[in-house]
Each structure stands twice: as structure tokens, then as C-alpha cells.
């Protein structure tokens, strides 16, 4: 094996490793964004009613989780004000979304820039070695590695963070829909009569 071919193989191997290192968290973050999108789908009043009757599964939608919390919290005999229960249920649903989706997506997104920087550093090391060997092909490969890993990592970071922001707007819409359905149901429901005071 000649020196030229071994240098090309070495540079290609480093490029592959740096791109795989960036691809893995990016791909996992994208899959989590898809799961978050499915979990934050908006449900109609009829879909919520059917979901409450059948029970939720392990990947229950956020709308159904919020509806279930509201139904259980606003049962007969509850002495808590409805607005307090609605606000607490909203905070609970947002906390669940944050714990299962938003924080994890941020974790994957925040892994990308350091991994890109590691790829850039490896490319610069190869560049310094290639300058010592006076190999123009290896220099170009090293520059490609340095730039490609940085660009891939920064683009991946921007994509995941942008999706996270869009998903948060979707979560708020989903939560607001469920609360609007509950308010509409509360205004249509007959109010319980108070017992007349005897005296």
C-alpha cells in the first residue's frame, strides 16, 4: 500500500467517524421530534371522549393525558376552584412534555456542536500532519473533514432547536384545545342545586 492510498484511507476513515458521531445524536433527536409530534396531536371532543372511555396506552397523547387529569381532578365533591385545577393540570401536562421530549431533544441538540468541534480538531491535526508530509491531497481531505464536521453539527443543532420551538407551539395549541373543550363542557353541564336552608 502506497503512502498516498494510506493517507486517503486515513482521511476517509476520520471523515466517516466524525460524520457518524454527528449523525447518531441528530438522528435520535429527529426520531424524538417525530414522537413528540405524534404525542401533541390535537384531538376533537369526540376523540377525547372515546380515549377517556378506552383508557390510554404507554404512548398516550398529551391531550388525552390532560383530559384524564382534568376529569379525575374535577370529580363530584372536589372543593378546588375550576380555574385552579385547570392551571395545575396545564402545568402538569407541560411538565410531562418537557420531561419526556423537550429536555431530551435539547440534550441531543447540545451534543452536536462539541462533536463538530472534535471533528474540526481532528481535521486540523490531519492537516498539520499532511503539511509535514507535503501531501496536497491529504491537506484537502483534512480541510474537508474540519469544515464538514462543523457544518454538519451546526446545521443539525439548528434543525433540532427549530423543531423543538415549533413543537412547543404545537403543545400549547393542544393544551389550549383541551382546556377549551373542558370549559365548553362545564358551561353546558347543569349546575348542582344547593339544598334550601331550613330554619
N, C-alpha and C. Protein backbone atom coordinates (compact mmCIF):
# COMPACT_ATOMS: atom_id res chain seq x y z
N UNK A 1 0.85 -1.18 0.00
CA UNK A 1 0.00 0.00 0.00
C UNK A 1 0.89 1.23 0.00
N UNK A 2 0.63 2.13 -0.90
CA UNK A 2 1.46 3.33 -1.01
C UNK A 2 1.08 4.33 0.06
N UNK A 3 1.97 5.29 0.22
CA UNK A 3 1.72 6.34 1.22
C UNK A 3 0.49 7.15 0.85
N UNK A 4 0.28 7.41 -0.45
CA UNK A 4 -0.88 8.18 -0.90
C UNK A 4 -2.18 7.47 -0.53
N UNK A 5 -2.28 6.19 -0.83
CA UNK A 5 -3.52 5.47 -0.56
C UNK A 5 -3.76 5.31 0.93
N UNK A 6 -2.71 5.14 1.71
CA UNK A 6 -2.92 5.03 3.16
C UNK A 6 -3.38 6.35 3.75
N UNK A 7 -2.87 7.47 3.22
CA UNK A 7 -3.32 8.79 3.70
C UNK A 7 -4.78 9.05 3.33
N UNK A 8 -5.17 8.65 2.12
CA UNK A 8 -6.55 8.83 1.69
C UNK A 8 -7.48 7.98 2.55
N UNK A 9 -7.08 6.73 2.81
CA UNK A 9 -7.90 5.84 3.64
C UNK A 9 -8.01 6.42 5.05
N UNK A 10 -6.91 6.93 5.59
CA UNK A 10 -6.92 7.50 6.94
C UNK A 10 -7.85 8.72 7.00
N UNK A 11 -7.77 9.61 6.00
CA UNK A 11 -8.63 10.78 5.97
C UNK A 11 -10.09 10.40 5.80
N UNK A 12 -10.36 9.44 4.92
CA UNK A 12 -11.74 8.99 4.71
C UNK A 12 -12.29 8.35 5.98
N UNK A 13 -11.46 7.61 6.68
CA UNK A 13 -11.90 6.98 7.93
C UNK A 13 -12.23 8.03 8.98
N UNK A 14 -11.38 9.04 9.11
CA UNK A 14 -11.67 10.12 10.08
C UNK A 14 -12.94 10.88 9.70
N UNK A 15 -13.12 11.15 8.41
CA UNK A 15 -14.35 11.83 7.96
C UNK A 15 -15.58 11.00 8.31
N UNK A 16 -15.50 9.71 8.04
CA UNK A 16 -16.63 8.82 8.34
C UNK A 16 -16.94 8.79 9.82
N UNK A 17 -15.91 8.68 10.65
CA UNK A 17 -16.12 8.62 12.10
C UNK A 17 -16.74 9.93 12.60
N UNK A 18 -16.23 11.06 12.12
CA UNK A 18 -16.77 12.34 12.61
C UNK A 18 -18.21 12.54 12.15
N UNK A 19 -18.53 12.12 10.93
CA UNK A 19 -19.92 12.27 10.46
C UNK A 19 -20.86 11.32 11.18
N UNK A 20 -20.41 10.10 11.48
CA UNK A 20 -21.25 9.16 12.24
C UNK A 20 -21.47 9.69 13.65
N UNK A 21 -20.41 10.28 14.24
CA UNK A 21 -20.55 10.84 15.59
C UNK A 21 -21.56 11.97 15.62
N UNK A 22 -21.67 12.75 14.55
CA UNK A 22 -22.66 13.82 14.47
C UNK A 22 -24.03 13.25 14.12
N UNK A 23 -24.07 12.24 13.26
CA UNK A 23 -25.32 11.69 12.77
C UNK A 23 -26.13 11.01 13.87
N UNK A 24 -25.48 10.28 14.76
CA UNK A 24 -26.21 9.49 15.77
C UNK A 24 -27.08 10.36 16.67
N UNK A 25 -26.56 11.41 17.33
CA UNK A 25 -27.48 12.23 18.14
C UNK A 25 -28.49 13.00 17.31
N UNK A 26 -28.10 13.40 16.09
CA UNK A 26 -29.04 14.11 15.23
C UNK A 26 -30.21 13.20 14.86
N UNK A 27 -29.91 11.98 14.49
CA UNK A 27 -30.96 11.03 14.10
C UNK A 27 -31.86 10.70 15.29
N UNK A 28 -31.28 10.51 16.46
CA UNK A 28 -32.10 10.24 17.65
C UNK A 28 -32.97 11.43 18.02
N UNK A 29 -32.42 12.63 17.88
CA UNK A 29 -33.21 13.83 18.13
C UNK A 29 -34.37 13.96 17.14
N UNK A 30 -34.12 13.62 15.87
CA UNK A 30 -35.19 13.67 14.87
C UNK A 30 -36.29 12.67 15.18
N UNK A 31 -35.92 11.45 15.56
CA UNK A 31 -36.94 10.45 15.91
C UNK A 31 -37.75 10.91 17.12
N UNK A 32 -37.09 11.52 18.08
CA UNK A 32 -37.82 12.02 19.25
C UNK A 32 -38.75 13.17 18.86
N UNK A 33 -38.33 14.01 17.91
CA UNK A 33 -39.21 15.08 17.42
C UNK A 33 -40.45 14.48 16.76
N UNK A 34 -40.29 13.39 16.01
CA UNK A 34 -41.44 12.73 15.39
C UNK A 34 -42.38 12.15 16.44
N UNK A 35 -41.82 11.56 17.49
CA UNK A 35 -42.66 11.04 18.58
C UNK A 35 -43.37 12.17 19.31
N UNK A 36 -42.67 13.28 19.52
CA UNK A 36 -43.29 14.44 20.18
C UNK A 36 -44.41 15.01 19.32
N UNK A 37 -44.22 15.00 18.01
CA UNK A 37 -45.26 15.49 17.11
C UNK A 37 -46.51 14.62 17.21
N UNK A 38 -46.31 13.32 17.28
CA UNK A 38 -47.45 12.40 17.41
C UNK A 38 -48.13 12.58 18.77
N UNK A 39 -47.34 12.82 19.81
CA UNK A 39 -47.91 12.96 21.16
C UNK A 39 -48.66 14.27 21.34
N UNK A 40 -48.38 15.25 20.51
CA UNK A 40 -49.03 16.57 20.67
C UNK A 40 -50.08 16.82 19.61
N UNK A 41 -50.60 15.77 19.01
CA UNK A 41 -51.65 15.97 18.00
C UNK A 41 -52.92 16.47 18.69
N UNK A 42 -53.65 17.28 17.97
CA UNK A 42 -54.89 17.82 18.51
C UNK A 42 -56.01 16.80 18.33
N UNK A 43 -56.83 16.68 19.35
CA UNK A 43 -57.93 15.72 19.32
C UNK A 43 -59.25 16.47 19.43
N UNK A 44 -60.24 15.96 18.71
CA UNK A 44 -61.57 16.54 18.80
C UNK A 44 -62.22 16.12 20.11
N UNK A 45 -63.36 16.73 20.41
CA UNK A 45 -64.09 16.39 21.63
C UNK A 45 -64.49 14.91 21.63
N UNK A 46 -64.89 14.42 20.46
CA UNK A 46 -65.30 13.02 20.35
C UNK A 46 -64.11 12.07 20.55
N UNK A 47 -62.96 12.42 19.99
CA UNK A 47 -61.77 11.59 20.19
C UNK A 47 -61.34 11.58 21.65
N UNK A 48 -61.46 12.72 22.32
CA UNK A 48 -61.13 12.77 23.75
C UNK A 48 -62.08 11.89 24.56
N UNK A 49 -63.38 11.96 24.23
CA UNK A 49 -64.36 11.15 24.95
C UNK A 49 -64.08 9.66 24.77
N UNK A 50 -63.82 9.26 23.52
CA UNK A 50 -63.50 7.84 23.27
C UNK A 50 -62.22 7.42 23.97
N UNK A 51 -61.22 8.30 23.96
CA UNK A 51 -59.95 7.99 24.63
C UNK A 51 -60.11 7.84 26.13
N UNK A 52 -60.97 8.67 26.73
CA UNK A 52 -61.21 8.56 28.17
C UNK A 52 -61.95 7.27 28.50
N UNK A 53 -62.82 6.82 27.61
CA UNK A 53 -63.56 5.59 27.86
C UNK A 53 -62.69 4.36 27.71
N UNK A 54 -61.78 4.36 26.72
CA UNK A 54 -60.98 3.18 26.46
C UNK A 54 -59.73 3.11 27.31
N UNK A 55 -59.27 4.22 27.82
CA UNK A 55 -58.04 4.23 28.60
C UNK A 55 -56.85 4.49 27.71
N UNK A 56 -55.78 4.99 28.26
CA UNK A 56 -54.60 5.35 27.48
C UNK A 56 -53.57 4.24 27.49
N UNK A 57 -52.74 4.27 26.50
CA UNK A 57 -51.67 3.30 26.38
C UNK A 57 -50.36 3.90 26.86
N UNK A 58 -49.24 3.22 26.59
CA UNK A 58 -47.95 3.74 27.03
C UNK A 58 -47.54 5.01 26.30
N UNK A 59 -48.03 5.20 25.07
CA UNK A 59 -47.72 6.42 24.32
C UNK A 59 -48.97 7.26 24.15
N UNK A 60 -49.58 7.57 25.25
CA UNK A 60 -50.82 8.35 25.25
C UNK A 60 -50.54 9.77 24.78
N UNK A 61 -51.47 10.34 24.03
CA UNK A 61 -51.27 11.71 23.57
C UNK A 61 -51.37 12.67 24.75
N UNK A 62 -50.72 13.80 24.61
CA UNK A 62 -50.71 14.79 25.68
C UNK A 62 -52.12 15.33 25.93
N UNK A 63 -52.92 15.45 24.88
CA UNK A 63 -54.29 15.94 25.03
C UNK A 63 -55.10 14.98 25.88
N UNK A 64 -54.94 13.69 25.65
CA UNK A 64 -55.67 12.69 26.43
C UNK A 64 -55.20 12.66 27.88
N UNK A 65 -53.90 12.81 28.09
CA UNK A 65 -53.37 12.87 29.45
C UNK A 65 -53.95 14.05 30.20
N UNK A 66 -53.99 15.21 29.55
CA UNK A 66 -54.54 16.40 30.19
C UNK A 66 -56.03 16.22 30.48
N UNK A 67 -56.77 15.65 29.53
CA UNK A 67 -58.21 15.43 29.74
C UNK A 67 -58.43 14.47 30.91
N UNK A 68 -57.61 13.43 31.01
CA UNK A 68 -57.73 12.46 32.10
C UNK A 68 -57.47 13.14 33.46
N UNK A 69 -56.45 13.99 33.51
CA UNK A 69 -56.14 14.70 34.76
C UNK A 69 -57.28 15.63 35.14
N UNK A 70 -57.84 16.32 34.15
CA UNK A 70 -58.96 17.23 34.43
C UNK A 70 -60.18 16.48 34.94
N UNK A 71 -60.51 15.37 34.30
CA UNK A 71 -61.69 14.60 34.71
C UNK A 71 -61.52 14.08 36.13
N UNK A 72 -60.33 13.54 36.42
CA UNK A 72 -60.12 13.00 37.77
C UNK A 72 -60.09 14.09 38.83
N UNK A 73 -59.58 15.27 38.47
CA UNK A 73 -59.46 16.35 39.45
C UNK A 73 -60.77 17.10 39.67
N UNK A 74 -61.66 17.10 38.67
CA UNK A 74 -62.90 17.86 38.77
C UNK A 74 -64.10 16.96 39.06
N UNK A 75 -63.87 15.83 39.68
CA UNK A 75 -64.98 14.92 40.00
C UNK A 75 -65.90 15.58 41.02
N UNK A 76 -67.07 14.96 41.16
CA UNK A 76 -68.03 15.44 42.16
C UNK A 76 -67.36 15.47 43.53
N UNK A 77 -67.65 16.49 44.25
CA UNK A 77 -67.13 16.60 45.61
C UNK A 77 -65.79 17.31 45.69
N UNK A 78 -65.22 17.68 44.56
CA UNK A 78 -63.95 18.40 44.58
C UNK A 78 -64.21 19.82 45.03
N UNK A 79 -63.46 20.26 46.03
CA UNK A 79 -63.70 21.61 46.56
C UNK A 79 -62.70 22.62 46.00
N UNK A 80 -61.88 22.21 45.03
CA UNK A 80 -60.93 23.13 44.41
C UNK A 80 -61.62 23.97 43.33
N UNK A 81 -61.26 25.24 43.21
CA UNK A 81 -61.82 26.06 42.13
C UNK A 81 -61.40 25.52 40.75
N UNK A 82 -62.33 25.59 39.81
CA UNK A 82 -62.07 25.02 38.48
C UNK A 82 -60.84 25.66 37.81
N UNK A 83 -60.68 26.97 37.94
CA UNK A 83 -59.55 27.64 37.29
C UNK A 83 -58.22 27.17 37.88
N UNK A 84 -58.22 26.93 39.20
CA UNK A 84 -57.01 26.42 39.83
C UNK A 84 -56.67 25.03 39.29
N UNK A 85 -57.68 24.17 39.17
CA UNK A 85 -57.47 22.81 38.67
C UNK A 85 -57.01 22.86 37.21
N UNK A 86 -57.62 23.73 36.41
CA UNK A 86 -57.21 23.86 35.01
C UNK A 86 -55.75 24.28 34.89
N UNK A 87 -55.37 25.28 35.68
CA UNK A 87 -53.99 25.77 35.63
C UNK A 87 -53.01 24.69 36.10
N UNK A 88 -53.37 23.99 37.17
CA UNK A 88 -52.48 22.94 37.68
C UNK A 88 -52.36 21.80 36.67
N UNK A 89 -53.46 21.44 36.01
CA UNK A 89 -53.42 20.37 35.01
C UNK A 89 -52.59 20.80 33.80
N UNK A 90 -52.71 22.07 33.42
CA UNK A 90 -51.90 22.58 32.30
C UNK A 90 -50.42 22.51 32.64
N UNK A 91 -50.06 22.93 33.86
CA UNK A 91 -48.66 22.88 34.28
C UNK A 91 -48.15 21.44 34.33
N UNK A 92 -49.00 20.53 34.76
CA UNK A 92 -48.62 19.12 34.81
C UNK A 92 -48.35 18.58 33.40
N UNK A 93 -49.25 18.89 32.46
CA UNK A 93 -49.08 18.41 31.08
C UNK A 93 -47.83 19.01 30.44
N UNK A 94 -47.59 20.30 30.66
CA UNK A 94 -46.38 20.92 30.11
C UNK A 94 -45.12 20.34 30.75
N UNK A 95 -45.19 20.03 32.03
CA UNK A 95 -44.06 19.40 32.71
C UNK A 95 -43.77 18.01 32.15
N UNK A 96 -44.83 17.24 31.87
CA UNK A 96 -44.65 15.91 31.27
C UNK A 96 -44.02 16.02 29.89
N UNK A 97 -44.49 16.98 29.08
CA UNK A 97 -43.90 17.18 27.76
C UNK A 97 -42.44 17.57 27.88
N UNK A 98 -42.15 18.47 28.80
CA UNK A 98 -40.78 18.92 28.98
C UNK A 98 -39.87 17.77 29.40
N UNK A 99 -40.34 16.95 30.33
CA UNK A 99 -39.50 15.86 30.84
C UNK A 99 -39.27 14.77 29.80
N UNK A 100 -40.29 14.44 29.01
CA UNK A 100 -40.17 13.31 28.08
C UNK A 100 -39.68 13.71 26.69
N UNK A 101 -39.83 14.97 26.32
CA UNK A 101 -39.48 15.35 24.94
C UNK A 101 -38.52 16.55 24.89
N UNK A 102 -38.93 17.70 25.40
CA UNK A 102 -38.16 18.93 25.18
C UNK A 102 -36.75 18.85 25.74
N UNK A 103 -36.58 18.37 26.95
CA UNK A 103 -35.24 18.30 27.54
C UNK A 103 -34.35 17.33 26.79
N UNK A 104 -34.92 16.21 26.37
CA UNK A 104 -34.13 15.19 25.68
C UNK A 104 -33.73 15.69 24.29
N UNK A 105 -34.65 16.37 23.59
CA UNK A 105 -34.31 16.95 22.29
C UNK A 105 -33.19 17.98 22.47
N UNK A 106 -33.28 18.80 23.50
CA UNK A 106 -32.22 19.78 23.78
C UNK A 106 -30.89 19.09 24.07
N UNK A 107 -30.94 17.97 24.79
CA UNK A 107 -29.71 17.24 25.09
C UNK A 107 -29.03 16.78 23.80
N UNK A 108 -29.82 16.19 22.89
CA UNK A 108 -29.25 15.73 21.63
C UNK A 108 -28.73 16.91 20.80
N UNK A 109 -29.49 18.00 20.78
CA UNK A 109 -29.05 19.18 20.02
C UNK A 109 -27.76 19.75 20.60
N UNK A 110 -27.66 19.78 21.92
CA UNK A 110 -26.48 20.37 22.56
C UNK A 110 -25.25 19.47 22.46
N UNK A 111 -25.44 18.20 22.12
CA UNK A 111 -24.28 17.32 21.88
C UNK A 111 -23.60 17.63 20.55
N UNK A 112 -24.34 18.15 19.60
CA UNK A 112 -23.82 18.31 18.24
C UNK A 112 -22.66 19.30 18.12
N UNK A 113 -22.72 20.52 18.64
CA UNK A 113 -21.58 21.44 18.46
C UNK A 113 -20.26 20.90 19.04
N UNK A 114 -20.24 20.31 20.24
CA UNK A 114 -18.96 19.75 20.70
C UNK A 114 -18.45 18.61 19.81
N UNK A 115 -19.36 17.78 19.31
CA UNK A 115 -18.92 16.71 18.41
C UNK A 115 -18.37 17.29 17.12
N UNK A 116 -18.99 18.33 16.60
CA UNK A 116 -18.46 19.01 15.41
C UNK A 116 -17.10 19.62 15.68
N UNK A 117 -16.92 20.15 16.88
CA UNK A 117 -15.63 20.75 17.23
C UNK A 117 -14.55 19.67 17.32
N UNK A 118 -14.92 18.50 17.84
CA UNK A 118 -13.95 17.39 17.90
C UNK A 118 -13.54 16.98 16.48
N UNK A 119 -14.52 16.91 15.57
CA UNK A 119 -14.20 16.61 14.18
C UNK A 119 -13.31 17.67 13.54
N UNK A 120 -13.57 18.93 13.87
CA UNK A 120 -12.74 20.02 13.36
C UNK A 120 -11.31 19.90 13.88
N UNK A 121 -11.18 19.58 15.15
CA UNK A 121 -9.86 19.42 15.74
C UNK A 121 -9.12 18.26 15.10
N UNK A 122 -9.83 17.16 14.87
CA UNK A 122 -9.19 16.01 14.21
C UNK A 122 -8.76 16.39 12.79
N UNK A 123 -9.59 17.15 12.08
CA UNK A 123 -9.22 17.60 10.74
C UNK A 123 -8.00 18.49 10.74
N UNK A 124 -7.90 19.37 11.74
CA UNK A 124 -6.72 20.24 11.83
C UNK A 124 -5.47 19.45 12.16
N UNK A 125 -5.61 18.42 13.00
CA UNK A 125 -4.45 17.57 13.29
C UNK A 125 -3.97 16.87 12.03
N UNK A 126 -4.91 16.35 11.25
CA UNK A 126 -4.53 15.70 9.99
C UNK A 126 -3.90 16.72 9.04
N UNK A 127 -4.41 17.94 9.05
CA UNK A 127 -3.84 19.00 8.20
C UNK A 127 -2.39 19.28 8.58
N UNK A 128 -2.09 19.37 9.87
CA UNK A 128 -0.72 19.61 10.31
C UNK A 128 0.21 18.46 9.91
N UNK A 129 -0.30 17.23 10.02
CA UNK A 129 0.49 16.07 9.62
C UNK A 129 0.73 16.11 8.11
N UNK A 130 -0.31 16.46 7.34
CA UNK A 130 -0.17 16.50 5.89
C UNK A 130 0.78 17.60 5.44
N UNK A 131 0.84 18.69 6.18
CA UNK A 131 1.79 19.75 5.84
C UNK A 131 3.22 19.26 6.07
N UNK A 132 3.37 18.45 7.06
CA UNK A 132 4.70 17.87 7.35
C UNK A 132 5.11 16.89 6.25
N UNK A 133 4.11 16.15 5.73
CA UNK A 133 4.39 15.17 4.68
C UNK A 133 4.38 15.79 3.28
N UNK A 134 3.99 17.04 3.19
CA UNK A 134 3.87 17.74 1.90
C UNK A 134 2.96 16.98 0.94
N UNK A 135 1.77 16.60 1.46
CA UNK A 135 0.80 15.85 0.66
C UNK A 135 -0.42 16.74 0.44
N UNK A 136 -0.58 17.24 -0.80
CA UNK A 136 -1.68 18.15 -1.12
C UNK A 136 -3.05 17.49 -1.01
N UNK A 137 -3.15 16.21 -1.38
CA UNK A 137 -4.43 15.50 -1.30
C UNK A 137 -4.87 15.34 0.14
N UNK A 138 -3.92 15.02 0.98
CA UNK A 138 -4.24 14.85 2.40
C UNK A 138 -4.64 16.19 3.02
N UNK A 139 -4.01 17.27 2.58
CA UNK A 139 -4.38 18.59 3.09
C UNK A 139 -5.83 18.92 2.74
N UNK A 140 -6.22 18.65 1.49
CA UNK A 140 -7.61 18.92 1.09
C UNK A 140 -8.58 18.05 1.87
N UNK A 141 -8.24 16.79 2.08
CA UNK A 141 -9.10 15.91 2.86
C UNK A 141 -9.23 16.37 4.30
N UNK A 142 -8.13 16.86 4.87
CA UNK A 142 -8.16 17.34 6.25
C UNK A 142 -9.03 18.59 6.37
N UNK A 143 -8.91 19.49 5.40
CA UNK A 143 -9.76 20.68 5.41
C UNK A 143 -11.23 20.31 5.25
N UNK A 144 -11.48 19.33 4.37
CA UNK A 144 -12.86 18.87 4.18
C UNK A 144 -13.41 18.30 5.48
N UNK A 145 -12.60 17.50 6.19
CA UNK A 145 -13.03 16.93 7.47
C UNK A 145 -13.33 18.02 8.47
N UNK A 146 -12.45 19.00 8.58
CA UNK A 146 -12.63 20.07 9.56
C UNK A 146 -13.91 20.86 9.28
N UNK A 147 -14.12 21.21 8.02
CA UNK A 147 -15.29 22.03 7.69
C UNK A 147 -16.58 21.22 7.69
N UNK A 148 -16.53 20.01 7.18
CA UNK A 148 -17.73 19.19 7.08
C UNK A 148 -18.31 18.84 8.44
N UNK A 149 -17.44 18.48 9.39
CA UNK A 149 -17.96 18.12 10.71
C UNK A 149 -18.58 19.34 11.41
N UNK A 150 -17.96 20.50 11.25
CA UNK A 150 -18.52 21.71 11.88
C UNK A 150 -19.85 22.08 11.25
N UNK A 151 -19.90 22.08 9.93
CA UNK A 151 -21.14 22.46 9.25
C UNK A 151 -22.26 21.48 9.57
N UNK A 152 -21.96 20.19 9.52
CA UNK A 152 -22.99 19.18 9.80
C UNK A 152 -23.52 19.33 11.23
N UNK A 153 -22.62 19.57 12.17
CA UNK A 153 -23.04 19.71 13.57
C UNK A 153 -23.88 20.96 13.78
N UNK A 154 -23.48 22.06 13.18
CA UNK A 154 -24.23 23.31 13.38
C UNK A 154 -25.59 23.27 12.68
N UNK A 155 -25.64 22.68 11.49
CA UNK A 155 -26.93 22.54 10.81
C UNK A 155 -27.85 21.62 11.61
N UNK A 156 -27.30 20.51 12.11
CA UNK A 156 -28.11 19.60 12.93
C UNK A 156 -28.63 20.27 14.19
N UNK A 157 -27.78 21.06 14.85
CA UNK A 157 -28.19 21.80 16.04
C UNK A 157 -29.34 22.75 15.71
N UNK A 158 -29.19 23.51 14.60
CA UNK A 158 -30.23 24.47 14.22
C UNK A 158 -31.54 23.76 13.88
N UNK A 159 -31.46 22.63 13.20
CA UNK A 159 -32.68 21.89 12.84
C UNK A 159 -33.39 21.39 14.09
N UNK A 160 -32.67 20.77 15.01
CA UNK A 160 -33.31 20.23 16.22
C UNK A 160 -33.89 21.34 17.10
N UNK A 161 -33.16 22.43 17.25
CA UNK A 161 -33.69 23.53 18.06
C UNK A 161 -34.90 24.18 17.40
N UNK A 162 -34.87 24.30 16.09
CA UNK A 162 -36.03 24.86 15.38
C UNK A 162 -37.26 23.97 15.51
N UNK A 163 -37.05 22.66 15.39
CA UNK A 163 -38.17 21.73 15.56
C UNK A 163 -38.70 21.77 16.98
N UNK A 164 -37.80 21.91 17.95
CA UNK A 164 -38.23 21.98 19.35
C UNK A 164 -39.12 23.20 19.59
N UNK A 165 -38.77 24.33 19.00
CA UNK A 165 -39.57 25.55 19.15
C UNK A 165 -40.94 25.36 18.51
N UNK A 166 -40.96 24.78 17.31
CA UNK A 166 -42.25 24.54 16.63
C UNK A 166 -43.11 23.56 17.41
N UNK A 167 -42.48 22.55 17.98
CA UNK A 167 -43.23 21.56 18.76
C UNK A 167 -43.81 22.19 20.02
N UNK A 168 -43.10 23.13 20.62
CA UNK A 168 -43.62 23.77 21.82
C UNK A 168 -44.89 24.56 21.50
N UNK A 169 -44.89 25.24 20.35
CA UNK A 169 -46.10 25.95 19.92
C UNK A 169 -47.24 24.95 19.71
N UNK A 170 -46.92 23.79 19.18
CA UNK A 170 -47.93 22.75 18.98
C UNK A 170 -48.47 22.23 20.31
N UNK A 171 -47.60 22.10 21.30
CA UNK A 171 -48.03 21.67 22.64
C UNK A 171 -49.00 22.67 23.23
N UNK A 172 -48.68 23.94 23.13
CA UNK A 172 -49.56 24.96 23.69
C UNK A 172 -50.93 24.95 23.00
N UNK A 173 -50.94 24.75 21.69
CA UNK A 173 -52.21 24.65 20.97
C UNK A 173 -53.02 23.44 21.42
N UNK A 174 -52.34 22.33 21.61
CA UNK A 174 -53.00 21.10 22.07
C UNK A 174 -53.62 21.30 23.46
N UNK A 175 -52.86 21.89 24.35
CA UNK A 175 -53.33 22.13 25.72
C UNK A 175 -54.50 23.11 25.72
N UNK A 176 -54.39 24.16 24.94
CA UNK A 176 -55.47 25.15 24.88
C UNK A 176 -56.75 24.54 24.32
N UNK A 177 -56.63 23.63 23.34
CA UNK A 177 -57.81 22.95 22.80
C UNK A 177 -58.53 22.14 23.88
N UNK A 178 -57.76 21.38 24.64
CA UNK A 178 -58.38 20.55 25.69
C UNK A 178 -59.04 21.42 26.74
N UNK A 179 -58.39 22.50 27.13
CA UNK A 179 -58.98 23.39 28.13
C UNK A 179 -60.24 24.07 27.58
N UNK A 180 -60.24 24.40 26.30
CA UNK A 180 -61.44 25.00 25.69
C UNK A 180 -62.58 23.99 25.66
N UNK A 181 -62.27 22.72 25.35
CA UNK A 181 -63.31 21.67 25.37
C UNK A 181 -63.87 21.50 26.78
N UNK A 182 -63.00 21.55 27.77
CA UNK A 182 -63.46 21.39 29.16
C UNK A 182 -64.32 22.57 29.59
N UNK A 183 -63.93 23.78 29.21
CA UNK A 183 -64.73 24.97 29.56
C UNK A 183 -66.10 24.91 28.90
N UNK A 184 -66.12 24.48 27.64
CA UNK A 184 -67.40 24.38 26.94
C UNK A 184 -68.29 23.32 27.58
N UNK A 185 -67.70 22.20 27.99
CA UNK A 185 -68.48 21.15 28.65
C UNK A 185 -68.98 21.62 30.01
N UNK A 186 -68.17 22.43 30.71
CA UNK A 186 -68.57 22.93 32.03
C UNK A 186 -69.73 23.91 31.92
N UNK A 187 -69.77 24.71 30.88
CA UNK A 187 -70.86 25.67 30.74
C UNK A 187 -72.16 24.99 30.30
N UNK A 188 -72.04 23.85 29.59
CA UNK A 188 -73.25 23.14 29.16
C UNK A 188 -73.81 22.23 30.26
N UNK A 189 -72.95 21.82 31.20
CA UNK A 189 -73.40 20.90 32.25
C UNK A 189 -74.34 21.61 33.20
N UNK A 190 -75.37 20.90 33.67
CA UNK A 190 -76.28 21.54 34.64
C UNK A 190 -75.56 21.77 35.96
N UNK A 191 -75.83 22.90 36.55
CA UNK A 191 -75.21 23.22 37.83
C UNK A 191 -75.97 22.52 38.96
N UNK A 192 -75.25 21.96 39.94
CA UNK A 192 -75.96 21.29 41.04
C UNK A 192 -76.71 22.30 41.89
N UNK A 193 -77.90 21.90 42.31
CA UNK A 193 -78.72 22.81 43.13
C UNK A 193 -78.28 22.70 44.58
N UNK A 194 -78.26 23.83 45.22
CA UNK A 194 -77.93 23.82 46.64
C UNK A 194 -79.18 23.51 47.44
N UNK A 195 -78.95 22.79 48.49
CA UNK A 195 -80.09 22.43 49.36
C UNK A 195 -80.61 23.71 50.03
N UNK A 196 -81.92 23.84 50.06
CA UNK A 196 -82.53 25.02 50.69
C UNK A 196 -82.29 24.98 52.19
N UNK A 197 -81.95 26.11 52.71
CA UNK A 197 -81.70 26.18 54.16
C UNK A 197 -83.01 26.08 54.91
N UNK A 198 -83.04 25.19 55.88
CA UNK A 198 -84.25 25.04 56.68
C UNK A 198 -84.05 25.79 57.97
N UNK A 199 -85.07 26.44 58.40
CA UNK A 199 -84.86 27.19 59.62
C UNK A 199 -86.06 27.50 60.37
